Amino acid sequence: MIELLKLLAAEGTKKIDPSTIGVPKVTDANTALAGLLNVVYSAAGILCVMIIVFAGYIYVTSDGNAANIKLAKNAIIGAVTGLIVVIAAFAITQFVIGRF
């Protein structure tokens, strides 16, 4: 952000090329789509791991409370299932984008 402000101040009204400020130029729709999907898959994967960690914390601190144990187990099962779906979606889209 600071680099952009310095560049704007130094250049005045001169047009700025996106690559000058670190934004890659997109020339292919497959590349743009792959980049967007990678961000979405990364965010979903991080969210699944965070849910697993939080559910593990609930499980460890449940103190034998059956409701908390059930909640934690269901959260872990759901997060692992979600992680498997994200990995499968990533593999499928990489295969499809690689074909076209």
PDB file of N, CA and C in Angstrom:
ATOM      1  N   MET A   1       0.829  -1.182   0.000  1.00  0.00           N
ATOM      2  CA  MET A   1       0.000   0.000   0.000  1.00  0.00           C
ATOM      3  C   MET A   1       0.872   1.243   0.000  1.00  0.00           C
ATOM      4  N   ILE A   2       1.913   1.229   0.816  1.00  0.00           N
ATOM      5  CA  ILE A   2       2.806   2.375   0.889  1.00  0.00           C
ATOM      6  C   ILE A   2       3.525   2.569  -0.432  1.00  0.00           C
ATOM      7  N   GLU A   3       3.919   1.457  -1.055  1.00  0.00           N
ATOM      8  CA  GLU A   3       4.583   1.547  -2.356  1.00  0.00           C
ATOM      9  C   GLU A   3       3.656   2.163  -3.392  1.00  0.00           C
ATOM     10  N   LEU A   4       2.378   1.808  -3.335  1.00  0.00           N
ATOM     11  CA  LEU A   4       1.409   2.360  -4.268  1.00  0.00           C
ATOM     12  C   LEU A   4       1.275   3.861  -4.063  1.00  0.00           C
ATOM     13  N   LEU A   5       1.203   4.305  -2.814  1.00  0.00           N
ATOM     14  CA  LEU A   5       1.080   5.737  -2.545  1.00  0.00           C
ATOM     15  C   LEU A   5       2.317   6.495  -2.999  1.00  0.00           C
ATOM     16  N   LYS A   6       3.496   5.928  -2.755  1.00  0.00           N
ATOM     17  CA  LYS A   6       4.725   6.567  -3.221  1.00  0.00           C
ATOM     18  C   LYS A   6       4.747   6.652  -4.739  1.00  0.00           C
ATOM     19  N   LEU A   7       4.315   5.587  -5.379  1.00  0.00           N
ATOM     20  CA  LEU A   7       4.293   5.554  -6.839  1.00  0.00           C
ATOM     21  C   LEU A   7       3.313   6.581  -7.392  1.00  0.00           C
ATOM     22  N   LEU A   8       2.149   6.701  -6.766  1.00  0.00           N
ATOM     23  CA  LEU A   8       1.165   7.680  -7.208  1.00  0.00           C
ATOM     24  C   LEU A   8       1.679   9.097  -7.029  1.00  0.00           C
ATOM     25  N   ALA A   9       2.344   9.356  -5.911  1.00  0.00           N
ATOM     26  CA  ALA A   9       2.865  10.690  -5.662  1.00  0.00           C
ATOM     27  C   ALA A   9       3.987  11.033  -6.629  1.00  0.00           C
ATOM     28  N   ALA A  10       4.832  10.061  -6.944  1.00  0.00           N
ATOM     29  CA  ALA A  10       5.975  10.319  -7.812  1.00  0.00           C
ATOM     30  C   ALA A  10       5.572  10.427  -9.275  1.00  0.00           C
ATOM     31  N   GLU A  11       4.588   9.663  -9.682  1.00  0.00           N
ATOM     32  CA  GLU A  11       4.227   9.589 -11.092  1.00  0.00           C
ATOM     33  C   GLU A  11       3.184  10.624 -11.507  1.00  0.00           C
ATOM     34  N   GLY A  12       2.437  11.140 -10.577  1.00  0.00           N
ATOM     35  CA  GLY A  12       1.426  12.140 -10.926  1.00  0.00           C
ATOM     36  C   GLY A  12       0.299  11.519 -11.721  1.00  0.00           C
ATOM     37  N   THR A  13       0.093  11.987 -12.939  1.00  0.00           N
ATOM     38  CA  THR A  13      -1.027  11.510 -13.755  1.00  0.00           C
ATOM     39  C   THR A  13      -0.632  10.417 -14.741  1.00  0.00           C
ATOM     40  N   LYS A  14       0.604   9.966 -14.679  1.00  0.00           N
ATOM     41  CA  LYS A  14       1.064   8.905 -15.572  1.00  0.00           C
ATOM     42  C   LYS A  14       0.319   7.605 -15.255  1.00  0.00           C
ATOM     43  N   LYS A  15      -0.038   6.840 -16.288  1.00  0.00           N
ATOM     44  CA  LYS A  15      -0.744   5.580 -16.087  1.00  0.00           C
ATOM     45  C   LYS A  15       0.174   4.564 -15.407  1.00  0.00           C
ATOM     46  N   ILE A  16      -0.421   3.749 -14.546  1.00  0.00           N
ATOM     47  CA  ILE A  16       0.325   2.744 -13.802  1.00  0.00           C
ATOM     48  C   ILE A  16      -0.002   1.375 -14.382  1.00  0.00           C
ATOM     49  N   ASP A  17       1.040   0.599 -14.651  1.00  0.00           N
ATOM     50  CA  ASP A  17       0.885  -0.777 -15.111  1.00  0.00           C
ATOM     51  C   ASP A  17       0.652  -1.655 -13.880  1.00  0.00           C
ATOM     52  N   PRO A  18      -0.322  -2.565 -13.892  1.00  0.00           N
ATOM     53  CA  PRO A  18      -0.588  -3.395 -12.719  1.00  0.00           C
ATOM     54  C   PRO A  18       0.632  -4.174 -12.245  1.00  0.00           C
ATOM     55  N   SER A  19       1.506  -4.592 -13.158  1.00  0.00           N
ATOM     56  CA  SER A  19       2.683  -5.349 -12.743  1.00  0.00           C
ATOM     57  C   SER A  19       3.653  -4.487 -11.947  1.00  0.00           C
ATOM     58  N   THR A  20       3.574  -3.166 -12.091  1.00  0.00           N
ATOM     59  CA  THR A  20       4.440  -2.258 -11.342  1.00  0.00           C
ATOM     60  C   THR A  20       4.140  -2.319  -9.853  1.00  0.00           C
ATOM     61  N   ILE A  21       2.892  -2.526  -9.484  1.00  0.00           N
ATOM     62  CA  ILE A  21       2.520  -2.556  -8.070  1.00  0.00           C
ATOM     63  C   ILE A  21       2.337  -3.978  -7.548  1.00  0.00           C
ATOM     64  N   GLY A  22       2.712  -4.968  -8.330  1.00  0.00           N
ATOM     65  CA  GLY A  22       2.693  -6.351  -7.860  1.00  0.00           C
ATOM     66  C   GLY A  22       1.462  -7.147  -8.234  1.00  0.00           C
ATOM     67  N   VAL A  23       0.596  -6.622  -9.070  1.00  0.00           N
ATOM     68  CA  VAL A  23      -0.590  -7.349  -9.509  1.00  0.00           C
ATOM     69  C   VAL A  23      -0.256  -8.011 -10.838  1.00  0.00           C
ATOM     70  N   PRO A  24      -0.283  -9.351 -10.887  1.00  0.00           N
ATOM     71  CA  PRO A  24       0.060 -10.014 -12.145  1.00  0.00           C
ATOM     72  C   PRO A  24      -0.990  -9.750 -13.214  1.00  0.00           C
ATOM     73  N   LYS A  25      -0.540  -9.633 -14.443  1.00  0.00           N
ATOM     74  CA  LYS A  25      -1.448  -9.410 -15.558  1.00  0.00           C
ATOM     75  C   LYS A  25      -2.073 -10.745 -15.960  1.00  0.00           C
ATOM     76  N   VAL A  26      -3.389 -10.773 -16.003  1.00  0.00           N
ATOM     77  CA  VAL A  26      -4.109 -11.994 -16.345  1.00  0.00           C
ATOM     78  C   VAL A  26      -4.416 -11.969 -17.835  1.00  0.00           C
ATOM     79  N   THR A  27      -3.903 -12.976 -18.526  1.00  0.00           N
ATOM     80  CA  THR A  27      -4.156 -13.066 -19.965  1.00  0.00           C
ATOM     81  C   THR A  27      -4.983 -14.288 -20.323  1.00  0.00           C
ATOM     82  N   ASP A  28      -5.198 -15.166 -19.354  1.00  0.00           N
ATOM     83  CA  ASP A  28      -5.900 -16.412 -19.614  1.00  0.00           C
ATOM     84  C   ASP A  28      -6.971 -16.618 -18.548  1.00  0.00           C
ATOM     85  N   ALA A  29      -8.187 -16.956 -18.966  1.00  0.00           N
ATOM     86  CA  ALA A  29      -9.280 -17.167 -18.027  1.00  0.00           C
ATOM     87  C   ALA A  29      -9.006 -18.367 -17.119  1.00  0.00           C
ATOM     88  N   ASN A  30      -8.360 -19.401 -17.648  1.00  0.00           N
ATOM     89  CA  ASN A  30      -8.038 -20.574 -16.820  1.00  0.00           C
ATOM     90  C   ASN A  30      -7.094 -20.204 -15.694  1.00  0.00           C
ATOM     91  N   THR A  31      -6.117 -19.346 -15.975  1.00  0.00           N
ATOM     92  CA  THR A  31      -5.177 -18.919 -14.945  1.00  0.00           C
ATOM     93  C   THR A  31      -5.891 -18.120 -13.866  1.00  0.00           C
ATOM     94  N   ALA A  32      -6.771 -17.223 -14.271  1.00  0.00           N
ATOM     95  CA  ALA A  32      -7.522 -16.417 -13.316  1.00  0.00           C
ATOM     96  C   ALA A  32      -8.425 -17.295 -12.461  1.00  0.00           C
ATOM     97  N   LEU A  33      -9.115 -18.227 -13.088  1.00  0.00           N
ATOM     98  CA  LEU A  33     -10.007 -19.124 -12.360  1.00  0.00           C
ATOM     99  C   LEU A  33      -9.219 -20.012 -11.400  1.00  0.00           C
ATOM    100  N   ALA A  34      -8.102 -20.528 -11.850  1.00  0.00           N
ATOM    101  CA  ALA A  34      -7.274 -21.380 -10.993  1.00  0.00           C
ATOM    102  C   ALA A  34      -6.768 -20.589  -9.791  1.00  0.00           C
ATOM    103  N   GLY A  35      -6.366 -19.359 -10.004  1.00  0.00           N
ATOM    104  CA  GLY A  35      -5.901 -18.532  -8.896  1.00  0.00           C
ATOM    105  C   GLY A  35      -6.995 -18.259  -7.882  1.00  0.00           C
ATOM    106  N   LEU A  36      -8.192 -17.934  -8.375  1.00  0.00           N
ATOM    107  CA  LEU A  36      -9.324 -17.683  -7.484  1.00  0.00           C
ATOM    108  C   LEU A  36      -9.704 -18.942  -6.710  1.00  0.00           C
ATOM    109  N   LEU A  37      -9.771 -20.069  -7.405  1.00  0.00           N
ATOM    110  CA  LEU A  37     -10.139 -21.319  -6.731  1.00  0.00           C
ATOM    111  C   LEU A  37      -9.091 -21.739  -5.707  1.00  0.00           C
ATOM    112  N   ASN A  38      -7.816 -21.499  -5.986  1.00  0.00           N
ATOM    113  CA  ASN A  38      -6.764 -21.825  -5.017  1.00  0.00           C
ATOM    114  C   ASN A  38      -6.938 -21.016  -3.741  1.00  0.00           C
ATOM    115  N   VAL A  39      -7.334 -19.763  -3.865  1.00  0.00           N
ATOM    116  CA  VAL A  39      -7.584 -18.939  -2.677  1.00  0.00           C
ATOM    117  C   VAL A  39      -8.768 -19.502  -1.891  1.00  0.00           C
ATOM    118  N   VAL A  40      -9.835 -19.871  -2.594  1.00  0.00           N
ATOM    119  CA  VAL A  40     -11.021 -20.416  -1.936  1.00  0.00           C
ATOM    120  C   VAL A  40     -10.691 -21.748  -1.256  1.00  0.00           C
ATOM    121  N   TYR A  41      -9.955 -22.615  -1.944  1.00  0.00           N
ATOM    122  CA  TYR A  41      -9.600 -23.902  -1.357  1.00  0.00           C
ATOM    123  C   TYR A  41      -8.683 -23.722  -0.141  1.00  0.00           C
ATOM    124  N   SER A  42      -7.774 -22.801  -0.224  1.00  0.00           N
ATOM    125  CA  SER A  42      -6.882 -22.541   0.907  1.00  0.00           C
ATOM    126  C   SER A  42      -7.667 -22.048   2.113  1.00  0.00           C
ATOM    127  N   ALA A  43      -8.576 -21.124   1.886  1.00  0.00           N
ATOM    128  CA  ALA A  43      -9.390 -20.596   2.985  1.00  0.00           C
ATOM    129  C   ALA A  43     -10.254 -21.698   3.603  1.00  0.00           C
ATOM    130  N   ALA A  44     -10.847 -22.530   2.766  1.00  0.00           N
ATOM    131  CA  ALA A  44     -11.678 -23.628   3.273  1.00  0.00           C
ATOM    132  C   ALA A  44     -10.845 -24.635   4.058  1.00  0.00           C
ATOM    133  N   GLY A  45      -9.654 -24.934   3.561  1.00  0.00           N
ATOM    134  CA  GLY A  45      -8.770 -25.865   4.271  1.00  0.00           C
ATOM    135  C   GLY A  45      -8.340 -25.324   5.618  1.00  0.00           C
ATOM    136  N   ILE A  46      -7.988 -24.042   5.652  1.00  0.00           N
ATOM    137  CA  ILE A  46      -7.591 -23.415   6.922  1.00  0.00           C
ATOM    138  C   ILE A  46      -8.754 -23.421   7.903  1.00  0.00           C
ATOM    139  N   LEU A  47      -9.961 -23.127   7.413  1.00  0.00           N
ATOM    140  CA  LEU A  47     -11.141 -23.148   8.271  1.00  0.00           C
ATOM    141  C   LEU A  47     -11.388 -24.547   8.830  1.00  0.00           C
ATOM    142  N   CYS A  48     -11.249 -25.572   8.011  1.00  0.00           N
ATOM    143  CA  CYS A  48     -11.434 -26.952   8.487  1.00  0.00           C
ATOM    144  C   CYS A  48     -10.430 -27.300   9.570  1.00  0.00           C
ATOM    145  N   VAL A  49      -9.183 -26.931   9.374  1.00  0.00           N
ATOM    146  CA  VAL A  49      -8.158 -27.226  10.381  1.00  0.00           C
ATOM    147  C   VAL A  49      -8.450 -26.469  11.673  1.00  0.00           C
ATOM    148  N   MET A  50      -8.897 -25.223  11.573  1.00  0.00           N
ATOM    149  CA  MET A  50      -9.233 -24.453  12.775  1.00  0.00           C
ATOM    150  C   MET A  50     -10.398 -25.088  13.524  1.00  0.00           C
ATOM    151  N   ILE A  51     -11.388 -25.591  12.797  1.00  0.00           N
ATOM    152  CA  ILE A  51     -12.526 -26.264  13.438  1.00  0.00           C
ATOM    153  C   ILE A  51     -12.061 -27.540  14.132  1.00  0.00           C
ATOM    154  N   ILE A  52     -11.168 -28.281  13.507  1.00  0.00           N
ATOM    155  CA  ILE A  52     -10.647 -29.505  14.122  1.00  0.00           C
ATOM    156  C   ILE A  52      -9.904 -29.172  15.416  1.00  0.00           C
ATOM    157  N   VAL A  53      -9.089 -28.142  15.391  1.00  0.00           N
ATOM    158  CA  VAL A  53      -8.345 -27.743  16.599  1.00  0.00           C
ATOM    159  C   VAL A  53      -9.311 -27.299  17.696  1.00  0.00           C
ATOM    160  N   PHE A  54     -10.296 -26.475  17.340  1.00  0.00           N
ATOM    161  CA  PHE A  54     -11.260 -26.002  18.332  1.00  0.00           C
ATOM    162  C   PHE A  54     -12.080 -27.160  18.895  1.00  0.00           C
ATOM    163  N   ALA A  55     -12.502 -28.087  18.034  1.00  0.00           N
ATOM    164  CA  ALA A  55     -13.262 -29.249  18.504  1.00  0.00           C
ATOM    165  C   ALA A  55     -12.403 -30.134  19.400  1.00  0.00           C
ATOM    166  N   GLY A  56     -11.120 -30.253  19.067  1.00  0.00           N
ATOM    167  CA  GLY A  56     -10.212 -30.996  19.935  1.00  0.00           C
ATOM    168  C   GLY A  56     -10.101 -30.369  21.310  1.00  0.00           C
ATOM    169  N   TYR A  57     -10.074 -29.037  21.335  1.00  0.00           N
ATOM    170  CA  TYR A  57     -10.029 -28.326  22.622  1.00  0.00           C
ATOM    171  C   TYR A  57     -11.303 -28.591  23.429  1.00  0.00           C
ATOM    172  N   ILE A  58     -12.450 -28.553  22.752  1.00  0.00           N
ATOM    173  CA  ILE A  58     -13.721 -28.838  23.440  1.00  0.00           C
ATOM    174  C   ILE A  58     -13.728 -30.269  23.962  1.00  0.00           C
ATOM    175  N   TYR A  59     -13.206 -31.194  23.164  1.00  0.00           N
ATOM    176  CA  TYR A  59     -13.171 -32.603  23.570  1.00  0.00           C
ATOM    177  C   TYR A  59     -12.288 -32.798  24.806  1.00  0.00           C
ATOM    178  N   VAL A  60     -11.117 -32.164  24.786  1.00  0.00           N
ATOM    179  CA  VAL A  60     -10.178 -32.326  25.902  1.00  0.00           C
ATOM    180  C   VAL A  60     -10.722 -31.684  27.173  1.00  0.00           C
ATOM    181  N   THR A  61     -11.405 -30.564  27.040  1.00  0.00           N
ATOM    182  CA  THR A  61     -11.902 -29.855  28.225  1.00  0.00           C
ATOM    183  C   THR A  61     -13.338 -30.229  28.574  1.00  0.00           C
ATOM    184  N   SER A  62     -13.890 -31.274  27.975  1.00  0.00           N
ATOM    185  CA  SER A  62     -15.285 -31.632  28.213  1.00  0.00           C
ATOM    186  C   SER A  62     -15.522 -32.174  29.618  1.00  0.00           C
ATOM    187  N   ASP A  63     -14.505 -32.689  30.253  1.00  0.00           N
ATOM    188  CA  ASP A  63     -14.600 -33.194  31.634  1.00  0.00           C
ATOM    189  C   ASP A  63     -15.668 -34.273  31.788  1.00  0.00           C
ATOM    190  N   GLY A  64     -15.816 -35.092  30.754  1.00  0.00           N
ATOM    191  CA  GLY A  64     -16.766 -36.197  30.817  1.00  0.00           C
ATOM    192  C   GLY A  64     -18.200 -35.807  30.483  1.00  0.00           C
ATOM    193  N   ASN A  65     -18.431 -34.554  30.134  1.00  0.00           N
ATOM    194  CA  ASN A  65     -19.773 -34.102  29.760  1.00  0.00           C
ATOM    195  C   ASN A  65     -20.132 -34.702  28.396  1.00  0.00           C
ATOM    196  N   ALA A  66     -21.163 -35.538  28.391  1.00  0.00           N
ATOM    197  CA  ALA A  66     -21.526 -36.277  27.182  1.00  0.00           C
ATOM    198  C   ALA A  66     -21.944 -35.346  26.035  1.00  0.00           C
ATOM    199  N   ALA A  67     -22.606 -34.241  26.363  1.00  0.00           N
ATOM    200  CA  ALA A  67     -23.060 -33.313  25.320  1.00  0.00           C
ATOM    201  C   ALA A  67     -21.865 -32.652  24.625  1.00  0.00           C
ATOM    202  N   ASN A  68     -20.855 -32.259  25.404  1.00  0.00           N
ATOM    203  CA  ASN A  68     -19.666 -31.635  24.813  1.00  0.00           C
ATOM    204  C   ASN A  68     -18.850 -32.633  24.001  1.00  0.00           C
ATOM    205  N   ILE A  69     -18.777 -33.860  24.487  1.00  0.00           N
ATOM    206  CA  ILE A  69     -18.043 -34.891  23.747  1.00  0.00           C
ATOM    207  C   ILE A  69     -18.722 -35.154  22.411  1.00  0.00           C
ATOM    208  N   LYS A  70     -20.049 -35.260  22.426  1.00  0.00           N
ATOM    209  CA  LYS A  70     -20.789 -35.484  21.187  1.00  0.00           C
ATOM    210  C   LYS A  70     -20.621 -34.300  20.237  1.00  0.00           C
ATOM    211  N   LEU A  71     -20.678 -33.076  20.760  1.00  0.00           N
ATOM    212  CA  LEU A  71     -20.495 -31.875  19.947  1.00  0.00           C
ATOM    213  C   LEU A  71     -19.118 -31.869  19.292  1.00  0.00           C
ATOM    214  N   ALA A  72     -18.093 -32.193  20.072  1.00  0.00           N
ATOM    215  CA  ALA A  72     -16.729 -32.194  19.544  1.00  0.00           C
ATOM    216  C   ALA A  72     -16.539 -33.277  18.484  1.00  0.00           C
ATOM    217  N   LYS A  73     -17.051 -34.464  18.746  1.00  0.00           N
ATOM    218  CA  LYS A  73     -16.919 -35.554  17.771  1.00  0.00           C
ATOM    219  C   LYS A  73     -17.623 -35.209  16.467  1.00  0.00           C
ATOM    220  N   ASN A  74     -18.826 -34.648  16.557  1.00  0.00           N
ATOM    221  CA  ASN A  74     -19.555 -34.274  15.341  1.00  0.00           C
ATOM    222  C   ASN A  74     -18.829 -33.167  14.581  1.00  0.00           C
ATOM    223  N   ALA A  75     -18.241 -32.225  15.304  1.00  0.00           N
ATOM    224  CA  ALA A  75     -17.499 -31.145  14.651  1.00  0.00           C
ATOM    225  C   ALA A  75     -16.261 -31.692  13.941  1.00  0.00           C
ATOM    226  N   ILE A  76     -15.570 -32.615  14.583  1.00  0.00           N
ATOM    227  CA  ILE A  76     -14.376 -33.200  13.973  1.00  0.00           C
ATOM    228  C   ILE A  76     -14.760 -34.008  12.728  1.00  0.00           C
ATOM    229  N   ILE A  77     -15.811 -34.795  12.829  1.00  0.00           N
ATOM    230  CA  ILE A  77     -16.262 -35.587  11.679  1.00  0.00           C
ATOM    231  C   ILE A  77     -16.678 -34.664  10.532  1.00  0.00           C
ATOM    232  N   GLY A  78     -17.413 -33.613  10.835  1.00  0.00           N
ATOM    233  CA  GLY A  78     -17.833 -32.668   9.812  1.00  0.00           C
ATOM    234  C   GLY A  78     -16.666 -31.942   9.167  1.00  0.00           C
ATOM    235  N   ALA A  79     -15.686 -31.535   9.981  1.00  0.00           N
ATOM    236  CA  ALA A  79     -14.525 -30.818   9.455  1.00  0.00           C
ATOM    237  C   ALA A  79     -13.650 -31.732   8.595  1.00  0.00           C
ATOM    238  N   VAL A  80     -13.461 -32.960   9.019  1.00  0.00           N
ATOM    239  CA  VAL A  80     -12.663 -33.902   8.228  1.00  0.00           C
ATOM    240  C   VAL A  80     -13.378 -34.210   6.908  1.00  0.00           C
ATOM    241  N   THR A  81     -14.698 -34.376   6.968  1.00  0.00           N
ATOM    242  CA  THR A  81     -15.472 -34.585   5.741  1.00  0.00           C
ATOM    243  C   THR A  81     -15.330 -33.377   4.815  1.00  0.00           C
ATOM    244  N   GLY A  82     -15.433 -32.188   5.369  1.00  0.00           N
ATOM    245  CA  GLY A  82     -15.254 -30.972   4.581  1.00  0.00           C
ATOM    246  C   GLY A  82     -13.873 -30.885   3.969  1.00  0.00           C
ATOM    247  N   LEU A  83     -12.858 -31.268   4.726  1.00  0.00           N
ATOM    248  CA  LEU A  83     -11.485 -31.250   4.224  1.00  0.00           C
ATOM    249  C   LEU A  83     -11.317 -32.230   3.066  1.00  0.00           C
ATOM    250  N   ILE A  84     -11.933 -33.387   3.182  1.00  0.00           N
ATOM    251  CA  ILE A  84     -11.875 -34.372   2.092  1.00  0.00           C
ATOM    252  C   ILE A  84     -12.573 -33.826   0.848  1.00  0.00           C
ATOM    253  N   VAL A  85     -13.713 -33.171   1.025  1.00  0.00           N
ATOM    254  CA  VAL A  85     -14.436 -32.583  -0.107  1.00  0.00           C
ATOM    255  C   VAL A  85     -13.593 -31.489  -0.767  1.00  0.00           C
ATOM    256  N   VAL A  86     -12.946 -30.659   0.034  1.00  0.00           N
ATOM    257  CA  VAL A  86     -12.102 -29.582  -0.508  1.00  0.00           C
ATOM    258  C   VAL A  86     -10.936 -30.172  -1.300  1.00  0.00           C
ATOM    259  N   ILE A  87     -10.301 -31.194  -0.759  1.00  0.00           N
ATOM    260  CA  ILE A  87      -9.173 -31.822  -1.458  1.00  0.00           C
ATOM    261  C   ILE A  87      -9.644 -32.464  -2.763  1.00  0.00           C
ATOM    262  N   ALA A  88     -10.810 -33.124  -2.726  1.00  0.00           N
ATOM    263  CA  ALA A  88     -11.341 -33.733  -3.948  1.00  0.00           C
ATOM    264  C   ALA A  88     -11.699 -32.666  -4.982  1.00  0.00           C
ATOM    265  N   ALA A  89     -12.308 -31.571  -4.533  1.00  0.00           N
ATOM    266  CA  ALA A  89     -12.653 -30.487  -5.452  1.00  0.00           C
ATOM    267  C   ALA A  89     -11.401 -29.876  -6.059  1.00  0.00           C
ATOM    268  N   PHE A  90     -10.365 -29.717  -5.257  1.00  0.00           N
ATOM    269  CA  PHE A  90      -9.096 -29.186  -5.759  1.00  0.00           C
ATOM    270  C   PHE A  90      -8.520 -30.110  -6.832  1.00  0.00           C
ATOM    271  N   ALA A  91      -8.517 -31.398  -6.556  1.00  0.00           N
ATOM    272  CA  ALA A  91      -7.967 -32.355  -7.522  1.00  0.00           C
ATOM    273  C   ALA A  91      -8.774 -32.357  -8.818  1.00  0.00           C
ATOM    274  N   ILE A  92     -10.081 -32.319  -8.698  1.00  0.00           N
ATOM    275  CA  ILE A  92     -10.931 -32.338  -9.894  1.00  0.00           C
ATOM    276  C   ILE A  92     -10.724 -31.081 -10.726  1.00  0.00           C
ATOM    277  N   THR A  93     -10.712 -29.910 -10.080  1.00  0.00           N
ATOM    278  CA  THR A  93     -10.544 -28.671 -10.844  1.00  0.00           C
ATOM    279  C   THR A  93      -9.158 -28.567 -11.456  1.00  0.00           C
ATOM    280  N   GLN A  94      -8.144 -29.056 -10.774  1.00  0.00           N
ATOM    281  CA  GLN A  94      -6.804 -29.040 -11.356  1.00  0.00           C
ATOM    282  C   GLN A  94      -6.746 -29.945 -12.578  1.00  0.00           C
ATOM    283  N   PHE A  95      -7.417 -31.068 -12.504  1.00  0.00           N
ATOM    284  CA  PHE A  95      -7.472 -31.984 -13.650  1.00  0.00           C
ATOM    285  C   PHE A  95      -8.202 -31.350 -14.815  1.00  0.00           C
ATOM    286  N   VAL A  96      -9.354 -30.734 -14.543  1.00  0.00           N
ATOM    287  CA  VAL A  96     -10.163 -30.129 -15.614  1.00  0.00           C
ATOM    288  C   VAL A  96      -9.443 -28.926 -16.215  1.00  0.00           C
ATOM    289  N   ILE A  97      -8.908 -28.068 -15.380  1.00  0.00           N
ATOM    290  CA  ILE A  97      -8.196 -26.884 -15.903  1.00  0.00           C
ATOM    291  C   ILE A  97      -6.952 -27.303 -16.675  1.00  0.00           C
ATOM    292  N   GLY A  98      -6.309 -28.361 -16.256  1.00  0.00           N
ATOM    293  CA  GLY A  98      -5.136 -28.851 -16.966  1.00  0.00           C
ATOM    294  C   GLY A  98      -5.462 -29.417 -18.341  1.00  0.00           C
ATOM    295  N   ARG A  99      -6.701 -29.874 -18.530  1.00  0.00           N
ATOM    296  CA  ARG A  99      -7.111 -30.460 -19.807  1.00  0.00           C
ATOM    297  C   ARG A  99      -7.450 -29.420 -20.859  1.00  0.00           C
ATOM    298  N   PHE A 100      -7.858 -28.233 -20.409  1.00  0.00           N
ATOM    299  CA  PHE A 100      -8.318 -27.217 -21.368  1.00  0.00           C
ATOM    300  C   PHE A 100      -7.373 -26.075 -21.470  1.00  0.00           C
TER     301      PHE A 100
END
